[in-house]
Amino acid sequence: MTSLKLVAGAVALTLGLASAAMAQPGPGGPGGPDGPGRGGRGPGGPMMGGPLGGLLGLHPDLPLPALNLTDAQEEQVRTIMQGHRDAGRALMQRAQASMDALRTATAGTIDEGAAAQQGQALGAVIADAAVLRGRVRSEVWAILTPEQQAEATKIQAERQARQSQMRQRLQQRMDQKKKG
């Protein structure tokens, strides 16, 4: 029973992180149809939707439309994304297989060993996706000018401050509900 609770906690944490990641604006934010990270689709192709979409996407997590990229930079971003597209698709396929296996292991009579194993497999996919996303971000960062890098850092700091404020307000509401 303890391993079941552990797996359930891991899945809940994963889904919670995925939900939080998906709630955040993507690399392009509302950047419009011409931005490299437009509407959940990057130049590398569609990103996986559902609870893991934000954790498995290749997005470099940079506010690219706000950085006024040159046409040459936009082409370089497209090339970077396309260069990692196959690896991203392979990760999405692994994630889907792990999610399906996890659902099977927890449907009906729960197979705790299989559920734990599939939870670990899913965690490994998420870790591999984080490494790939870091590579993509690093490659995109390298094509930005120092001024664009400074602006990106400023925008990301502002985004983090807003996220922190939102978490604090949410925690305050949860605390009030517990008291009331």
Protein backbone atom coordinates (compact mmCIF):
# COMPACT_ATOMS: atom_id res chain seq x y z
CA MET A 1 0.00 0.00 0.00
CA THR A 2 2.91 2.36 0.72
CA SER A 3 4.27 2.01 -2.82
CA LEU A 4 0.79 2.75 -4.19
CA LYS A 5 0.68 5.96 -2.16
CA LEU A 6 4.17 6.82 -3.41
CA VAL A 7 3.19 6.25 -7.03
CA ALA A 8 -0.05 8.18 -6.57
CA GLY A 9 1.90 11.05 -5.04
CA ALA A 10 4.43 11.02 -7.87
CA VAL A 11 1.68 11.02 -10.48
CA ALA A 12 -0.15 13.84 -8.67
CA LEU A 13 3.07 15.86 -8.48
CA THR A 14 3.80 15.24 -12.16
CA LEU A 15 0.29 16.25 -13.18
CA GLY A 16 0.43 19.31 -10.93
CA LEU A 17 3.74 20.42 -12.43
CA ALA A 18 2.42 19.78 -15.91
CA SER A 19 -0.70 21.83 -15.19
CA ALA A 20 1.41 24.68 -13.85
CA ALA A 21 3.71 24.51 -16.84
CA MET A 22 0.80 24.53 -19.26
CA ALA A 23 -0.80 27.49 -17.50
CA GLN A 24 2.27 29.59 -18.17
CA PRO A 25 2.70 31.45 -21.42
CA GLY A 26 4.89 29.57 -23.83
CA PRO A 27 8.10 30.85 -25.32
CA GLY A 28 6.22 33.08 -27.68
CA GLY A 29 3.38 33.96 -25.38
CA PRO A 30 0.73 35.56 -27.51
CA GLY A 31 3.40 36.26 -30.15
CA GLY A 32 1.01 35.91 -33.04
CA PRO A 33 1.17 33.70 -36.06
CA ASP A 34 4.69 34.69 -37.03
CA GLY A 35 6.39 33.97 -33.70
CA PRO A 36 8.57 30.87 -33.39
CA GLY A 37 6.53 29.48 -30.49
CA ARG A 38 3.06 30.22 -31.76
CA GLY A 39 0.03 28.81 -29.98
CA GLY A 40 1.49 25.57 -28.65
CA ARG A 41 3.13 24.80 -31.98
CA GLY A 42 6.74 25.56 -32.60
CA PRO A 43 8.52 25.42 -35.92
CA GLY A 44 9.59 21.93 -34.92
CA GLY A 45 5.98 20.72 -35.12
CA PRO A 46 3.08 20.24 -32.75
CA MET A 47 3.73 19.76 -29.07
CA MET A 48 2.07 17.04 -27.05
CA GLY A 49 -1.11 18.19 -25.38
CA GLY A 50 -2.68 16.83 -22.23
CA PRO A 51 -1.20 16.79 -18.77
CA LEU A 52 2.38 16.32 -19.95
CA GLY A 53 2.42 18.76 -22.87
CA GLY A 54 4.27 21.50 -21.00
CA LEU A 55 6.87 19.08 -19.69
CA LEU A 56 7.55 17.43 -23.02
CA GLY A 57 7.51 20.39 -25.38
CA LEU A 58 10.72 21.48 -27.06
CA HIS A 59 10.04 25.17 -26.45
CA PRO A 60 13.16 27.02 -25.32
CA ASP A 61 11.11 28.89 -22.66
CA LEU A 62 12.28 32.26 -23.89
CA PRO A 63 10.04 35.25 -24.70
CA LEU A 64 11.14 35.23 -28.35
CA PRO A 65 8.45 37.51 -29.88
CA ALA A 66 9.24 40.18 -27.30
CA LEU A 67 12.90 40.12 -28.33
CA ASN A 68 12.34 41.44 -31.86
CA LEU A 69 14.32 38.70 -33.56
CA THR A 70 15.76 39.45 -36.97
CA ASP A 71 14.63 37.34 -39.91
CA ALA A 72 17.98 35.54 -39.76
CA GLN A 73 17.53 34.79 -36.06
CA GLU A 74 13.99 33.50 -36.65
CA GLU A 75 15.34 31.18 -39.32
CA GLN A 76 18.06 29.99 -36.94
CA VAL A 77 15.42 29.26 -34.27
CA ARG A 78 13.41 27.30 -36.84
CA THR A 79 16.50 25.34 -37.81
CA ILE A 80 17.32 24.58 -34.16
CA MET A 81 13.77 23.41 -33.47
CA GLN A 82 13.66 21.28 -36.60
CA GLY A 83 17.03 19.78 -35.69
CA HIS A 84 15.56 18.46 -32.43
CA ARG A 85 12.13 17.53 -33.78
CA ASP A 86 12.80 13.80 -34.16
CA ALA A 87 14.20 13.54 -30.63
CA GLY A 88 11.16 15.41 -29.32
CA ARG A 89 8.77 13.12 -31.15
CA ALA A 90 10.56 10.05 -29.80
CA LEU A 91 10.17 11.45 -26.26
CA MET A 92 6.46 12.05 -26.85
CA GLN A 93 6.02 8.48 -28.05
CA ARG A 94 7.86 7.16 -24.99
CA ALA A 95 5.72 9.34 -22.74
CA GLN A 96 2.50 8.16 -24.36
CA ALA A 97 3.55 4.53 -23.98
CA SER A 98 4.47 5.12 -20.32
CA MET A 99 1.17 6.89 -19.62
CA ASP A 100 -0.78 4.07 -21.28
CA ALA A 101 1.13 1.46 -19.28
CA LEU A 102 0.60 3.45 -16.07
CA ARG A 103 -3.15 3.66 -16.74
CA THR A 104 -3.24 -0.10 -17.36
CA ALA A 105 -1.30 -0.82 -14.17
CA THR A 106 -3.68 1.30 -12.09
CA ALA A 107 -6.96 0.26 -13.73
CA GLY A 108 -9.14 -2.23 -11.90
CA THR A 109 -6.98 -4.31 -9.61
CA ILE A 110 -3.86 -2.27 -9.05
CA ASP A 111 -0.50 -3.83 -9.86
CA GLU A 112 1.65 -1.80 -7.49
CA GLY A 113 4.95 -3.06 -8.85
CA ALA A 114 4.00 -2.27 -12.44
CA ALA A 115 2.59 1.11 -11.41
CA ALA A 116 5.82 2.01 -9.63
CA GLN A 117 7.88 0.84 -12.60
CA GLN A 118 5.79 2.81 -15.08
CA GLY A 119 5.85 5.87 -12.84
CA GLN A 120 9.63 5.70 -12.85
CA ALA A 121 9.68 5.23 -16.64
CA LEU A 122 7.49 8.30 -17.04
CA GLY A 123 9.77 10.27 -14.73
CA ALA A 124 12.75 9.26 -16.87
CA VAL A 125 10.99 10.53 -19.99
CA ILE A 126 10.25 13.85 -18.28
CA ALA A 127 13.91 14.12 -17.21
CA ASP A 128 15.11 13.37 -20.74
CA ALA A 129 12.71 16.02 -22.07
CA ALA A 130 14.10 18.56 -19.60
CA VAL A 131 17.63 17.85 -20.84
CA LEU A 132 16.56 18.21 -24.47
CA ARG A 133 14.65 21.41 -23.70
CA GLY A 134 17.80 22.74 -21.99
CA ARG A 135 19.84 21.98 -25.10
CA VAL A 136 17.32 23.78 -27.28
CA ARG A 137 17.28 26.78 -24.94
CA SER A 138 21.07 26.93 -24.88
CA GLU A 139 21.28 26.82 -28.68
CA VAL A 140 18.64 29.54 -29.04
CA TRP A 141 20.25 31.66 -26.31
CA ALA A 142 23.54 31.57 -28.24
CA ILE A 143 21.99 33.29 -31.27
CA LEU A 144 20.61 36.20 -29.22
CA THR A 145 22.48 39.47 -28.95
CA PRO A 146 23.61 40.58 -25.48
CA GLU A 147 20.77 43.14 -25.50
CA GLN A 148 18.21 40.46 -26.34
CA GLN A 149 19.62 38.21 -23.63
CA ALA A 150 19.31 41.02 -21.09
CA GLU A 151 15.71 41.68 -22.16
CA ALA A 152 14.88 37.96 -21.97
CA THR A 153 16.35 37.77 -18.47
CA LYS A 154 14.29 40.80 -17.40
CA ILE A 155 11.06 39.40 -18.86
CA GLN A 156 11.65 36.01 -17.24
CA ALA A 157 12.31 37.63 -13.86
CA GLU A 158 9.04 39.55 -14.17
CA ARG A 159 7.22 36.33 -15.11
CA GLN A 160 8.67 34.53 -12.10
CA ALA A 161 7.63 37.38 -9.80
CA ARG A 162 4.05 37.18 -11.13
CA GLN A 163 4.04 33.41 -10.67
CA SER A 164 5.25 33.79 -7.11
CA GLN A 165 2.53 36.33 -6.36
CA MET A 166 -0.11 34.04 -7.85
CA ARG A 167 1.12 31.12 -5.72
CA GLN A 168 1.03 33.30 -2.60
CA ARG A 169 -2.54 34.43 -3.33
CA LEU A 170 -3.59 30.84 -3.97
CA GLN A 171 -2.00 29.72 -0.71
CA GLN A 172 -3.77 32.53 1.16
CA ARG A 173 -7.12 31.46 -0.31
CA MET A 174 -6.46 27.85 0.63
CA ASP A 175 -5.51 28.89 4.17
CA GLN A 176 -8.70 30.97 4.46
CA LYS A 177 -10.82 28.03 3.32
CA LYS A 178 -9.24 25.81 5.96
CA LYS A 179 -10.04 28.37 8.66
CA GLY A 180 -13.58 29.03 7.44
